Amino acid sequence: MSTKNTSVLLQVVETETSLQFEVFTTTNTLDMSTEISTHHTVSVQSVLPNIPSDARWDQKEITVAGGHGRGNATNQLSYSYGLFIDDDDEATIITDYSNHRIVKWKIGEKSGHIVAGGNGQGDRPYQLSYPTDALVDKNTDSLIICDQGNKRVLQWSLSSGTTLATVLRDDIHCFGLAMDYQRYLYISDEIRYEIRR
C-alpha cells in the first residue's frame, strides 16, 4: 500500500516592471518504508508598462494622424479601427478599414504612407477587404493583418518592393491581434466567440 501527498506553493514576486509567478509542487510518495520526494518549479514572467503611480495624462490632445475629414487621400482616414505603435520607427500603424489599406504614419508627418493594401477592395494577394487590426513582427520585418472581409490573417512583408501577402490563417472572422514575447500569435474570432493561438 502506498500513500501519495502533493503540496503546491505559489509565490508572487512584484517589481516595478514585472510580476513573476513561481509555482512549487512537491509530491511525496510513501511506499512501504521508502519515501520519494519530487520538486518542480515553473516560472512565468509578464512585462508590465512602467507607469508611475502619480502619472498625469496630458489633457491637451493633439492629432497625430488624419484630421482632414473622412476620405481616401494619404492625409485622410475612413474608419480607423486598429492601432499599433512602432516605437523603433516612431510611427503609428493604422488599419484604415473602409479604404482597405494599412497606413504607416510617422510622428510629425502631415500624411501617411500606405504599407499594405490600397489597391481597392478584394481578395488578391495584394488587396485587403475591411482590415480591422495589424501589428508589426520585428523578427520577420512584416505586418500581421486581420483581413476581416476576406476572413483571413495575412503576413505582409515591409521590405521595399514587396506588394504580396502570405495567408497565415483563413476561415477566421478576425477582429483583433496580439503577439506575446515568445512570438505566439493570438487572434480574436468575433463569430466563434473565441481567442485562437
Protein backbone atom coordinates (compact mmCIF):
# COMPACT_ATOMS: atom_id res chain seq x y z
CA MET A 1 0.00 0.00 0.00
CA SER A 2 1.36 3.44 -0.94
CA THR A 3 0.35 6.93 0.14
CA LYS A 4 0.77 9.99 -2.09
CA ASN A 5 0.74 13.59 -0.81
CA THR A 6 1.06 16.65 -3.09
CA SER A 7 1.51 20.23 -1.93
CA VAL A 8 1.55 23.38 -4.08
CA LEU A 9 3.07 26.73 -3.14
CA LEU A 10 2.53 29.86 -5.24
CA GLN A 11 4.97 32.72 -4.79
CA VAL A 12 4.45 36.10 -6.47
CA VAL A 13 7.39 38.47 -6.84
CA GLU A 14 6.45 42.02 -7.87
CA THR A 15 8.91 44.56 -9.23
CA GLU A 16 8.30 47.95 -10.84
CA THR A 17 8.16 46.47 -14.34
CA SER A 18 7.07 42.85 -13.92
CA LEU A 19 5.21 40.22 -11.97
CA GLN A 20 6.88 36.86 -11.62
CA PHE A 21 4.88 33.81 -10.58
CA GLU A 22 6.66 30.75 -9.24
CA VAL A 23 4.78 27.52 -8.67
CA PHE A 24 6.46 24.95 -6.44
CA THR A 25 4.94 21.48 -6.48
CA THR A 26 6.16 18.80 -4.11
CA THR A 27 4.90 15.23 -4.31
CA ASN A 28 5.78 12.79 -1.57
CA THR A 29 5.09 9.11 -2.12
CA LEU A 30 5.38 6.75 0.81
CA ASP A 31 5.61 3.15 -0.35
CA MET A 32 6.15 0.68 2.43
CA SER A 33 9.26 2.09 4.10
CA THR A 34 10.58 4.21 1.19
CA GLU A 35 9.77 7.92 0.79
CA ILE A 36 10.21 9.58 -2.64
CA SER A 37 10.08 13.37 -2.88
CA THR A 38 10.00 15.37 -6.13
CA HIS A 39 10.12 19.13 -6.61
CA HIS A 40 9.05 21.06 -9.74
CA THR A 41 9.37 24.79 -10.35
CA VAL A 42 7.59 26.75 -13.07
CA SER A 43 8.42 30.41 -13.54
CA VAL A 44 6.33 32.78 -15.64
CA GLN A 45 7.09 36.47 -16.13
CA SER A 46 4.79 39.13 -17.50
CA VAL A 47 6.12 42.54 -18.52
CA LEU A 48 4.09 45.49 -17.30
CA PRO A 49 4.39 49.03 -18.61
CA ASN A 50 6.31 51.29 -16.27
CA ILE A 51 3.62 53.87 -15.42
CA PRO A 52 4.36 55.81 -12.22
CA SER A 53 1.54 55.83 -9.66
CA ASP A 54 1.48 59.64 -9.77
CA ALA A 55 1.30 59.80 -13.60
CA ARG A 56 -0.85 62.55 -15.07
CA TRP A 57 -2.31 62.16 -18.54
CA ASP A 58 -1.97 65.16 -20.83
CA GLN A 59 -5.36 66.83 -21.14
CA LYS A 60 -4.34 68.68 -24.32
CA GLU A 61 -4.71 66.09 -27.05
CA ILE A 62 -3.11 66.55 -30.45
CA THR A 63 -3.98 64.95 -33.77
CA VAL A 64 -1.22 62.58 -34.86
CA ALA A 65 -2.93 61.09 -37.94
CA GLY A 66 -5.83 62.09 -40.17
CA GLY A 67 -7.77 65.16 -39.12
CA HIS A 68 -8.68 66.18 -42.68
CA GLY A 69 -12.14 64.66 -42.79
CA ARG A 70 -13.16 61.23 -43.97
CA GLY A 71 -11.61 60.21 -47.29
CA ASN A 72 -9.02 58.16 -49.15
CA ALA A 73 -6.20 60.69 -49.62
CA THR A 74 -2.96 59.89 -47.79
CA ASN A 75 -3.76 62.58 -45.19
CA GLN A 76 -7.24 61.11 -44.55
CA LEU A 77 -8.68 58.01 -42.91
CA SER A 78 -12.03 56.24 -43.12
CA TYR A 79 -12.93 54.24 -40.00
CA SER A 80 -9.55 53.65 -38.44
CA TYR A 81 -10.11 50.54 -36.29
CA GLY A 82 -6.75 49.17 -35.20
CA LEU A 83 -3.64 50.97 -33.96
CA PHE A 84 -0.13 49.70 -33.37
CA ILE A 85 2.64 51.94 -32.06
CA ASP A 86 6.04 51.15 -33.58
CA ASP A 87 8.42 52.76 -31.08
CA ASP A 88 11.53 51.75 -33.05
CA ASP A 89 10.34 53.56 -36.15
CA GLU A 90 8.47 56.33 -34.30
CA ALA A 91 5.31 55.60 -36.26
CA THR A 92 1.70 54.57 -35.82
CA ILE A 93 0.36 51.66 -37.88
CA ILE A 94 -3.33 52.26 -38.64
CA THR A 95 -5.89 49.88 -40.12
CA ASP A 96 -7.88 52.12 -42.46
CA TYR A 97 -10.98 49.90 -42.56
CA SER A 98 -13.14 51.46 -45.30
CA ASN A 99 -10.15 52.30 -47.51
CA HIS A 100 -8.99 48.64 -47.41
CA ARG A 101 -5.43 49.55 -46.51
CA ILE A 102 -2.84 49.77 -43.74
CA VAL A 103 -1.22 53.17 -43.28
CA LYS A 104 2.05 53.95 -41.52
CA TRP A 105 2.09 57.46 -40.07
CA LYS A 106 5.42 58.77 -38.78
CA ILE A 107 5.42 61.20 -35.88
CA GLY A 108 5.15 64.79 -37.08
CA GLU A 109 4.27 63.99 -40.69
CA LYS A 110 1.25 65.55 -42.42
CA SER A 111 0.26 62.39 -44.29
CA GLY A 112 0.64 58.65 -44.03
CA HIS A 113 2.33 56.09 -46.26
CA ILE A 114 0.35 53.05 -47.47
CA VAL A 115 2.25 49.91 -46.42
CA ALA A 116 -0.37 47.24 -47.28
CA GLY A 117 -3.46 47.14 -49.47
CA GLY A 118 -4.65 50.36 -51.03
CA ASN A 119 -5.38 48.56 -54.30
CA GLY A 120 -9.15 48.55 -53.93
CA GLN A 121 -11.24 46.03 -52.03
CA GLY A 122 -10.53 42.43 -53.00
CA ASP A 123 -9.13 39.03 -52.13
CA ARG A 124 -5.99 39.04 -54.29
CA PRO A 125 -2.59 38.73 -52.54
CA TYR A 126 -2.09 42.50 -52.96
CA GLN A 127 -5.55 43.53 -51.70
CA LEU A 128 -7.40 43.81 -48.41
CA SER A 129 -11.08 43.83 -47.53
CA TYR A 130 -12.08 45.72 -44.38
CA PRO A 131 -8.93 45.19 -42.26
CA THR A 132 -9.57 45.58 -38.53
CA ASP A 133 -6.16 45.22 -36.86
CA ALA A 134 -2.44 44.97 -37.60
CA LEU A 135 0.82 44.58 -35.73
CA VAL A 136 4.49 44.66 -36.63
CA ASP A 137 6.54 41.46 -36.30
CA LYS A 138 10.10 42.77 -35.90
CA ASN A 139 11.66 39.31 -36.31
CA THR A 140 10.33 38.94 -39.86
CA ASP A 141 10.08 42.66 -40.71
CA SER A 142 6.45 42.20 -41.63
CA LEU A 143 2.91 43.18 -40.74
CA ILE A 144 0.42 40.66 -39.42
CA ILE A 145 -3.04 41.80 -40.56
CA CYS A 146 -6.64 40.90 -39.69
CA ASP A 147 -8.21 40.95 -43.15
CA GLN A 148 -11.74 40.63 -41.81
CA GLY A 149 -13.68 40.95 -45.06
CA ASN A 150 -11.74 38.03 -46.53
CA LYS A 151 -11.86 36.01 -43.28
CA ARG A 152 -8.08 35.59 -43.14
CA VAL A 153 -4.92 36.62 -41.31
CA LEU A 154 -2.08 37.81 -43.55
CA GLN A 155 1.64 38.35 -43.24
CA TRP A 156 2.74 41.31 -45.37
CA SER A 157 6.46 41.98 -45.76
CA LEU A 158 7.64 45.52 -45.03
CA SER A 159 10.69 45.08 -47.28
CA SER A 160 10.73 47.61 -50.09
CA GLY A 161 9.31 46.38 -53.35
CA THR A 162 7.12 43.70 -51.74
CA THR A 163 3.44 44.02 -52.58
CA LEU A 164 2.12 40.50 -51.98
CA ALA A 165 0.87 38.90 -48.77
CA THR A 166 1.08 35.36 -47.43
CA VAL A 167 -2.04 33.83 -45.85
CA LEU A 168 -1.24 32.66 -42.31
CA ARG A 169 -4.77 31.58 -41.41
CA ASP A 170 -8.02 31.52 -43.33
CA ASP A 171 -11.67 30.86 -42.44
CA ILE A 172 -11.45 33.06 -39.35
CA HIS A 173 -13.51 36.16 -38.58
CA CYS A 174 -10.52 38.03 -37.18
CA PHE A 175 -11.13 41.29 -35.36
CA GLY A 176 -8.05 41.74 -33.15
CA LEU A 177 -4.46 40.52 -32.90
CA ALA A 178 -1.73 40.33 -30.28
CA MET A 179 1.69 38.69 -30.13
CA ASP A 180 3.46 37.72 -26.92
CA TYR A 181 7.20 37.80 -26.25
CA GLN A 182 7.53 34.15 -27.35
CA ARG A 183 6.00 35.17 -30.71
CA TYR A 184 2.74 33.28 -30.19
CA LEU A 185 0.04 34.98 -32.23
CA TYR A 186 -3.39 35.47 -30.62
CA ILE A 187 -6.39 36.07 -32.88
CA SER A 188 -9.89 37.04 -31.79
CA ASP A 189 -12.68 35.38 -33.78
CA GLU A 190 -15.80 37.51 -33.38
CA ILE A 191 -18.19 34.95 -34.90
CA ARG A 192 -16.99 31.91 -32.92
CA TYR A 193 -16.64 33.97 -29.71
CA GLU A 194 -13.12 32.75 -29.03
CA ILE A 195 -9.47 33.72 -28.98
CA ARG A 196 -7.19 31.43 -31.00
CA ARG A 197 -3.43 30.94 -30.59
